[in-house]
Amino acid sequence: MITNITDSIRYIGVDDNDIDLFESQYIVPNGISYNSYLIFDEKIAIMDTVDARKSDEWWHNLQEALAGRTPDYLVVHHMEPDHAGNIAKVVAEYPNLKIVASARAIGMMPQFFEGVDFEGRTIAVKEGDSLSLGVHTLTFLMAPMVHWPEVMVSYDSLDKVVFSADGFGKFGALAHEEDWACEARRYYFNICGKYGAPVQALLKKLAALDVAIICPLHGPILKENLSYYIGLYDCWSRYDVESEGVFIAYASIHGGTAKAAQKLAEILREKGAAKVAMADLTRDDMAEAVEDAFRYGKMVVAASSYDGDVFTPMHTFLHKLSIKGYRNRRVAIIENGSWAPCAGRVMKGMLEQMTDVEIVGDMVTIRSTMKQSDIPALENLADTILA
């Protein structure tokens, strides 16, 4: 797909509608886009390549857009294979082309492309360096750990365009029109969620620029209402609460824990909770559960005991929250156990390792199945959560 972004910047990326798991772990029902761009000027710059899965389609787009002209530069913002998969092909086809990237990215290239000689083919840039293409000037801003250490972004001062690497990206192919925030949120917290401080550092740099267009490496080009997208990124990277409500994540073996979680949700709604969202960790998309845990300020975890520990899906969920930097939240606990309840102890221990996570209320213990006698404890827990 080739489209004009401005008079001299062209989109040459591709949709991947065949992929089932992005990064071999994230469900992408609407696929993913691999974005790549061309800047036409006295010098021509390719802005990133695409995943090797879509090399042929991308190469066709590149050749059609170039129409016989020869590119002078390949700007590499990020070395992850879904964006750098065709570097070797570009180098082989255009022997005089120079690769522009951070020094860290240049150091990584031989790791991905064995036998490719990059000697004399690269230009290492650092914070504030610029590259003139003619009337276009690219200024480079380093963005380490958004979300790899070699990442940088580029700013074109003529058209006021930021090429933002993985920043402001989302799941979903461009052919699928859908709400941006939902899949951008799931993408952000599962891909970049750990790196709030580096994202904040990048946002401060962007705030000093006159930005009219954001060109990410995944998802749609953003041209209107940029304050909305930047505002969400600011909220997410500060670990602020985006939506008022309670998120209940439960992992149930035979249904007893699920009934207790569902009863608590009913009680919370009756008591006026602004929103109650739920996830069955044994069946629902784990990445969406991670997304909702960050979205809401209050969470309840409910799980069965298992092998002297906690039921595996809950352990996986809490581990994911930990490595993604979950923090600044209030969490309540429900455990279940038929003879030796231990899930609560394990969940509490995992939560206590996270930053500024407050465990609220008295832990509710269910014995096998929820009974009428358990409801007062759930009522009290709801009151504490909503206090």
Protein backbone atom coordinates (compact mmCIF):
# COMPACT_ATOMS: atom_id res chain seq x y z
CA MET A 1 0.00 0.00 0.00
CA ILE A 2 1.48 3.33 -1.09
CA THR A 3 -0.06 6.57 0.14
CA ASN A 4 1.04 10.18 0.38
CA ILE A 5 1.48 11.55 3.87
CA THR A 6 2.72 14.93 2.66
CA ASP A 7 3.80 16.17 -0.77
CA SER A 8 7.21 14.58 -0.30
CA ILE A 9 6.71 11.83 2.30
CA ARG A 10 5.18 8.56 1.19
CA TYR A 11 3.97 5.52 3.12
CA ILE A 12 5.31 2.23 1.71
CA GLY A 13 4.49 -0.15 4.56
CA VAL A 14 2.51 -3.39 4.49
CA ASP A 15 -0.28 -5.07 6.43
CA ASP A 16 0.19 -8.54 7.86
CA ASN A 17 -3.22 -10.18 8.07
CA ASP A 18 -1.83 -13.72 8.29
CA ILE A 19 0.02 -13.43 11.58
CA ASP A 20 -1.70 -15.02 14.59
CA LEU A 21 0.71 -14.10 17.39
CA PHE A 22 2.78 -10.92 17.42
CA GLU A 23 6.16 -11.49 19.08
CA SER A 24 4.99 -15.11 19.38
CA GLN A 25 2.76 -14.19 22.32
CA TYR A 26 0.21 -11.44 21.61
CA ILE A 27 -3.05 -12.39 19.90
CA VAL A 28 -3.68 -10.04 16.96
CA PRO A 29 -7.13 -10.85 15.52
CA ASN A 30 -6.88 -7.92 13.11
CA GLY A 31 -3.26 -8.49 12.21
CA ILE A 32 -0.52 -5.86 12.40
CA SER A 33 0.99 -3.24 10.12
CA TYR A 34 4.70 -2.85 9.50
CA ASN A 35 5.19 0.80 8.65
CA SER A 36 7.92 2.15 6.40
CA TYR A 37 8.25 5.54 4.75
CA LEU A 38 10.12 7.36 1.97
CA ILE A 39 11.20 11.00 2.02
CA PHE A 40 11.82 12.47 -1.44
CA ASP A 41 14.21 15.41 -1.69
CA GLU A 42 17.61 16.11 -3.24
CA LYS A 43 18.53 13.03 -1.25
CA ILE A 44 16.07 10.18 -0.76
CA ALA A 45 15.71 8.49 2.63
CA ILE A 46 14.03 5.18 3.43
CA MET A 47 12.63 5.34 6.95
CA ASP A 48 12.90 1.75 8.25
CA THR A 49 12.13 -1.52 6.50
CA VAL A 50 9.64 -4.24 7.53
CA ASP A 51 9.46 -7.78 8.84
CA ALA A 52 10.95 -10.50 6.64
CA ARG A 53 7.47 -12.07 6.56
CA LYS A 54 6.44 -9.29 4.17
CA SER A 55 9.69 -8.62 2.32
CA ASP A 56 8.31 -9.20 -1.17
CA GLU A 57 5.33 -6.86 -0.73
CA TRP A 58 7.47 -4.16 0.84
CA TRP A 59 10.13 -4.42 -1.85
CA HIS A 60 7.46 -4.04 -4.51
CA ASN A 61 6.14 -0.91 -2.77
CA LEU A 62 9.65 0.50 -2.46
CA GLN A 63 10.48 -0.03 -6.12
CA GLU A 64 7.16 1.34 -7.33
CA ALA A 65 7.52 4.45 -5.18
CA LEU A 66 11.14 5.03 -6.19
CA ALA A 67 10.23 4.70 -9.88
CA GLY A 68 13.83 4.10 -10.87
CA ARG A 69 15.43 6.57 -8.48
CA THR A 70 18.14 5.48 -6.06
CA PRO A 71 17.83 6.01 -2.29
CA ASP A 72 20.72 7.67 -0.50
CA TYR A 73 19.96 6.76 3.10
CA LEU A 74 18.24 4.11 5.17
CA VAL A 75 17.30 5.52 8.57
CA VAL A 76 16.98 2.76 11.16
CA HIS A 77 15.04 3.81 14.25
CA HIS A 78 14.77 0.39 15.86
CA MET A 79 16.58 -2.91 15.30
CA GLU A 80 13.77 -5.29 16.21
CA PRO A 81 13.30 -7.75 13.32
CA ASP A 82 9.74 -6.64 12.53
CA HIS A 83 11.25 -3.32 11.38
CA ALA A 84 14.82 -4.18 10.43
CA GLY A 85 14.15 -7.40 8.56
CA ASN A 86 15.24 -6.05 5.17
CA ILE A 87 18.36 -4.09 6.03
CA ALA A 88 20.64 -6.65 4.38
CA LYS A 89 18.53 -6.63 1.20
CA VAL A 90 18.71 -2.82 0.96
CA VAL A 91 22.47 -2.84 1.55
CA ALA A 92 22.98 -5.46 -1.16
CA GLU A 93 20.80 -3.68 -3.72
CA TYR A 94 22.16 -0.16 -3.17
CA PRO A 95 25.96 -0.28 -2.62
CA ASN A 96 26.32 3.49 -2.18
CA LEU A 97 23.49 3.87 0.33
CA LYS A 98 24.38 4.87 3.89
CA ILE A 99 22.61 3.51 6.97
CA VAL A 100 21.82 6.19 9.56
CA ALA A 101 21.24 4.91 13.08
CA SER A 102 22.33 5.20 16.68
CA ALA A 103 25.74 3.76 17.53
CA ARG A 104 24.01 1.07 19.60
CA ALA A 105 21.87 0.04 16.62
CA ILE A 106 24.89 -0.12 14.33
CA GLY A 107 26.61 -2.35 16.86
CA MET A 108 23.62 -4.71 16.81
CA MET A 109 23.45 -5.12 13.03
CA PRO A 110 26.02 -7.93 12.71
CA GLN A 111 24.05 -9.87 15.33
CA PHE A 112 21.10 -10.05 12.94
CA PHE A 113 22.88 -10.21 9.57
CA GLU A 114 25.77 -12.65 9.59
CA GLY A 115 28.23 -12.13 6.78
CA VAL A 116 26.99 -8.65 5.82
CA ASP A 117 29.83 -6.13 5.69
CA PHE A 118 28.64 -2.87 7.24
CA GLU A 119 32.11 -1.32 7.25
CA GLY A 120 31.94 2.17 5.77
CA ARG A 121 28.21 1.85 5.17
CA THR A 122 26.92 3.46 8.37
CA ILE A 123 26.56 6.92 9.92
CA ALA A 124 26.23 6.88 13.70
CA VAL A 125 24.14 9.75 15.05
CA LYS A 126 23.60 10.98 18.58
CA GLU A 127 21.16 13.27 20.38
CA GLY A 128 20.53 16.46 18.43
CA ASP A 129 22.47 15.46 15.30
CA SER A 130 20.84 16.37 12.02
CA LEU A 131 20.87 15.17 8.43
CA SER A 132 20.02 17.43 5.50
CA LEU A 133 18.19 15.84 2.59
CA GLY A 134 17.76 19.18 0.80
CA VAL A 135 14.81 21.21 2.03
CA HIS A 136 14.09 18.49 4.58
CA THR A 137 16.28 18.27 7.66
CA LEU A 138 16.02 15.31 9.99
CA THR A 139 16.93 15.85 13.64
CA PHE A 140 17.58 12.75 15.71
CA LEU A 141 16.38 12.27 19.27
CA MET A 142 17.66 9.31 21.23
CA ALA A 143 14.93 7.26 22.93
CA PRO A 144 16.75 4.45 24.74
CA MET A 145 14.48 1.82 26.29
CA VAL A 146 11.43 2.85 24.33
CA HIS A 147 11.55 -0.10 24.32
CA TRP A 148 15.05 -1.28 23.26
CA PRO A 149 18.30 0.50 24.16
CA GLU A 150 19.21 1.51 20.59
CA VAL A 151 15.93 3.26 19.73
CA MET A 152 15.83 6.77 18.33
CA VAL A 153 13.17 8.94 16.69
CA SER A 154 13.48 11.47 13.87
CA TYR A 155 11.91 14.88 13.44
CA ASP A 156 11.43 16.44 10.00
CA SER A 157 11.26 20.17 10.58
CA LEU A 158 9.83 20.99 7.13
CA ASP A 159 6.66 18.93 7.35
CA LYS A 160 6.68 18.81 11.18
CA VAL A 161 6.66 15.02 11.19
CA VAL A 162 7.91 12.78 13.98
CA PHE A 163 8.96 9.26 13.01
CA SER A 164 8.29 7.76 16.42
CA ALA A 165 9.60 4.18 16.18
CA ASP A 166 7.39 1.90 18.32
CA GLY A 167 6.01 4.90 20.20
CA PHE A 168 2.31 5.58 19.48
CA GLY A 169 1.99 2.20 17.78
CA LYS A 170 -0.93 -0.19 18.00
CA PHE A 171 -1.97 -3.70 17.11
CA GLY A 172 -4.14 -4.11 14.02
CA ALA A 173 -3.55 -3.88 10.28
CA LEU A 174 -4.32 -0.53 8.65
CA ALA A 175 -7.06 -2.14 6.56
CA HIS A 176 -9.07 -2.66 9.75
CA GLU A 177 -10.67 0.54 10.98
CA GLU A 178 -11.11 0.43 14.72
CA ASP A 179 -10.84 2.55 17.83
CA TRP A 180 -7.20 3.58 18.32
CA ALA A 181 -7.04 3.62 22.10
CA CYS A 182 -8.13 0.04 22.79
CA GLU A 183 -5.43 -1.71 20.77
CA ALA A 184 -2.85 1.06 21.36
CA ARG A 185 -3.33 0.59 25.11
CA ARG A 186 -2.94 -3.18 24.90
CA TYR A 187 0.15 -2.64 22.74
CA TYR A 188 1.65 -0.01 25.04
CA PHE A 189 1.34 -1.84 28.34
CA ASN A 190 2.47 -5.19 26.97
CA ILE A 191 5.32 -3.84 24.82
CA CYS A 192 6.46 -0.62 26.53
CA GLY A 193 4.72 -0.77 29.89
CA LYS A 194 7.87 -1.34 31.92
CA TYR A 195 9.52 1.75 30.49
CA GLY A 196 7.40 4.63 31.75
CA ALA A 197 10.39 6.81 32.68
CA PRO A 198 12.03 6.57 29.23
CA VAL A 199 8.68 7.31 27.58
CA GLN A 200 8.29 10.37 29.79
CA ALA A 201 11.77 11.52 28.75
CA LEU A 202 10.81 11.19 25.09
CA LEU A 203 7.53 13.06 25.60
CA LYS A 204 9.45 15.96 27.11
CA LYS A 205 11.62 16.13 24.00
CA LEU A 206 8.58 16.04 21.72
CA ALA A 207 6.91 18.80 23.73
CA ALA A 208 9.65 21.18 22.60
CA LEU A 209 8.87 20.53 18.91
CA ASP A 210 6.11 21.74 16.59
CA VAL A 211 4.56 18.39 15.69
CA ALA A 212 1.80 18.08 13.09
CA ILE A 213 2.07 14.38 12.19
CA ILE A 214 3.23 11.27 14.06
CA CYS A 215 4.43 8.34 11.95
CA PRO A 216 4.79 5.21 14.12
CA LEU A 217 6.17 1.84 13.07
CA HIS A 218 2.84 0.10 13.75
CA GLY A 219 -0.68 1.41 13.33
CA PRO A 220 -2.17 4.48 11.66
CA ILE A 221 -0.42 7.76 10.93
CA LEU A 222 -1.71 10.31 13.44
CA LYS A 223 -2.58 13.71 12.00
CA GLU A 224 -5.46 15.15 14.00
CA ASN A 225 -6.09 15.78 17.69
CA LEU A 226 -2.52 14.88 18.59
CA SER A 227 -3.09 16.13 22.13
CA TYR A 228 -5.43 13.17 22.67
CA TYR A 229 -2.79 10.59 21.76
CA ILE A 230 0.01 12.38 23.56
CA GLY A 231 -2.23 12.82 26.61
CA LEU A 232 -2.90 9.09 26.79
CA TYR A 233 0.80 8.32 26.45
CA ASP A 234 1.51 10.77 29.25
CA CYS A 235 -1.12 9.10 31.46
CA TRP A 236 0.09 5.59 30.68
CA SER A 237 3.78 6.34 31.16
CA ARG A 238 3.10 8.06 34.50
CA TYR A 239 1.16 4.96 35.62
CA ASP A 240 -1.79 7.21 36.33
CA VAL A 241 -5.36 5.90 36.48
CA GLU A 242 -6.99 6.30 33.08
CA SER A 243 -10.52 5.10 33.93
CA GLU A 244 -12.44 4.99 37.18
CA GLY A 245 -13.51 1.46 38.00
CA VAL A 246 -12.58 -1.93 39.39
CA PHE A 247 -10.92 -4.73 37.46
CA ILE A 248 -11.51 -8.29 38.70
CA ALA A 249 -9.07 -10.92 37.44
CA TYR A 250 -9.88 -14.49 38.46
CA ALA A 251 -8.42 -17.95 37.89
CA SER A 252 -10.85 -20.72 38.72
CA ILE A 253 -10.34 -24.48 38.38
CA HIS A 254 -13.82 -25.93 38.87
CA GLY A 255 -15.94 -22.78 38.93
CA GLY A 256 -16.07 -22.01 42.64
CA THR A 257 -13.67 -19.08 42.47
CA ALA A 258 -15.43 -17.76 39.37
CA LYS A 259 -18.76 -17.65 41.22
CA ALA A 260 -17.19 -15.69 44.08
CA ALA A 261 -15.61 -13.21 41.63
CA GLN A 262 -18.91 -12.79 39.79
CA LYS A 263 -20.77 -12.26 43.06
CA LEU A 264 -18.30 -9.56 44.07
CA ALA A 265 -18.80 -7.87 40.71
CA GLU A 266 -22.56 -7.90 41.28
CA ILE A 267 -22.13 -6.39 44.75
CA LEU A 268 -19.78 -3.69 43.47
CA ARG A 269 -22.27 -2.69 40.77
CA GLU A 270 -25.09 -2.58 43.30
CA LYS A 271 -22.97 -0.32 45.49
CA GLY A 272 -22.42 2.13 42.64
CA ALA A 273 -19.04 1.21 41.14
CA ALA A 274 -18.44 3.38 38.07
CA LYS A 275 -17.27 0.38 36.07
CA VAL A 276 -16.55 -3.26 36.82
CA ALA A 277 -14.44 -5.12 34.25
CA MET A 278 -13.66 -8.83 34.53
CA ALA A 279 -11.21 -11.32 33.04
CA ASP A 280 -11.19 -15.10 33.26
CA LEU A 281 -7.44 -15.69 33.25
CA THR A 282 -7.89 -19.30 32.15
CA ARG A 283 -9.61 -18.32 28.91
CA ASP A 284 -9.37 -14.62 28.15
CA ASP A 285 -6.48 -12.90 26.41
CA MET A 286 -3.79 -12.40 29.04
CA ALA A 287 -2.54 -9.27 27.27
CA GLU A 288 -5.99 -7.68 27.61
CA ALA A 289 -5.98 -8.55 31.31
CA VAL A 290 -2.62 -6.79 31.70
CA GLU A 291 -4.06 -3.80 29.82
CA ASP A 292 -7.09 -3.55 32.13
CA ALA A 293 -4.97 -3.93 35.26
CA PHE A 294 -3.11 -0.78 34.26
CA ARG A 295 -6.21 1.03 33.00
CA TYR A 296 -8.15 0.97 36.28
CA GLY A 297 -7.01 2.19 39.67
CA LYS A 298 -8.48 -0.72 41.65
CA MET A 299 -8.08 -4.45 41.09
CA VAL A 300 -9.28 -7.64 42.71
CA VAL A 301 -7.37 -10.88 42.19
CA ALA A 302 -9.23 -14.11 42.90
CA ALA A 303 -7.62 -17.52 42.53
CA SER A 304 -7.68 -21.12 43.62
CA SER A 305 -4.88 -22.74 45.56
CA TYR A 306 -2.86 -25.24 43.55
CA ASP A 307 0.08 -27.48 44.42
CA GLY A 308 0.80 -25.54 47.58
CA ASP A 309 0.91 -22.33 45.55
CA VAL A 310 -1.54 -20.35 43.40
CA PHE A 311 -3.34 -21.61 40.30
CA THR A 312 -0.94 -21.22 37.37
CA PRO A 313 -2.83 -18.65 35.24
CA MET A 314 -2.90 -16.23 38.18
CA HIS A 315 0.80 -16.74 38.82
CA THR A 316 1.48 -15.97 35.15
CA PHE A 317 -0.71 -12.87 35.30
CA LEU A 318 0.97 -11.45 38.38
CA HIS A 319 4.40 -12.24 36.98
CA LYS A 320 3.52 -10.34 33.81
CA LEU A 321 2.30 -7.37 35.84
CA SER A 322 5.55 -7.39 37.78
CA ILE A 323 7.83 -7.38 34.75
CA LYS A 324 5.71 -4.69 33.07
CA GLY A 325 6.13 -2.37 36.05
CA TYR A 326 2.66 -2.49 37.61
CA ARG A 327 2.42 0.17 40.33
CA ASN A 328 0.37 2.87 42.05
CA ARG A 329 -2.73 0.71 42.43
CA ARG A 330 -5.05 -0.64 45.17
CA VAL A 331 -5.59 -4.41 45.13
CA ALA A 332 -7.88 -6.75 47.07
CA ILE A 333 -7.54 -10.54 47.33
CA ILE A 334 -9.91 -13.51 47.25
CA GLU A 335 -8.50 -17.00 47.66
CA ASN A 336 -10.05 -20.46 47.42
CA GLY A 337 -8.87 -23.74 48.87
CA SER A 338 -10.54 -27.02 49.73
CA TRP A 339 -8.19 -28.14 52.50
CA ALA A 340 -5.17 -25.82 52.77
CA PRO A 341 -5.82 -22.39 51.21
CA CYS A 342 -2.51 -20.82 50.17
CA ALA A 343 -3.30 -18.82 47.04
CA GLY A 344 -3.81 -15.61 49.02
CA ARG A 345 -0.43 -15.84 50.68
CA VAL A 346 1.30 -16.32 47.32
CA MET A 347 -0.63 -13.52 45.59
CA LYS A 348 0.02 -11.16 48.49
CA GLY A 349 3.73 -11.93 48.37
CA MET A 350 3.92 -11.26 44.63
CA LEU A 351 1.96 -8.02 44.92
CA GLU A 352 4.12 -6.78 47.77
CA GLN A 353 7.14 -6.92 45.47
CA MET A 354 5.55 -4.34 43.17
CA THR A 355 5.99 -0.58 43.54
CA ASP A 356 3.38 1.34 45.54
CA VAL A 357 0.76 -1.40 45.35
CA GLU A 358 -1.54 -1.15 48.38
CA ILE A 359 -3.32 -4.33 49.44
CA VAL A 360 -6.71 -3.30 50.79
CA GLY A 361 -9.36 -4.98 52.93
CA ASP A 362 -9.39 -8.34 54.65
CA MET A 363 -8.53 -11.24 52.39
CA VAL A 364 -11.63 -13.31 51.66
CA THR A 365 -11.14 -17.08 51.86
CA ILE A 366 -13.59 -19.38 50.09
CA ARG A 367 -13.66 -23.06 50.96
CA SER A 368 -14.32 -24.97 47.73
CA THR A 369 -17.54 -23.18 46.78
CA MET A 370 -19.07 -19.84 47.72
CA LYS A 371 -21.79 -20.08 50.35
CA GLN A 372 -24.29 -17.62 51.81
CA SER A 373 -22.03 -17.29 54.81
CA ASP A 374 -19.28 -15.88 52.52
CA ILE A 375 -21.39 -12.99 51.22
CA PRO A 376 -20.92 -10.65 54.23
CA ALA A 377 -17.15 -10.85 53.75
CA LEU A 378 -17.57 -10.01 50.06
CA GLU A 379 -19.86 -7.09 51.01
CA ASN A 380 -17.21 -5.77 53.39
CA LEU A 381 -14.52 -6.17 50.76
CA ALA A 382 -16.63 -4.23 48.26
CA ASP A 383 -17.06 -1.41 50.77
CA THR A 384 -13.32 -1.22 51.31
CA ILE A 385 -12.57 -1.27 47.60
CA LEU A 386 -15.01 1.58 46.91
CA ALA A 387 -13.98 3.65 49.93
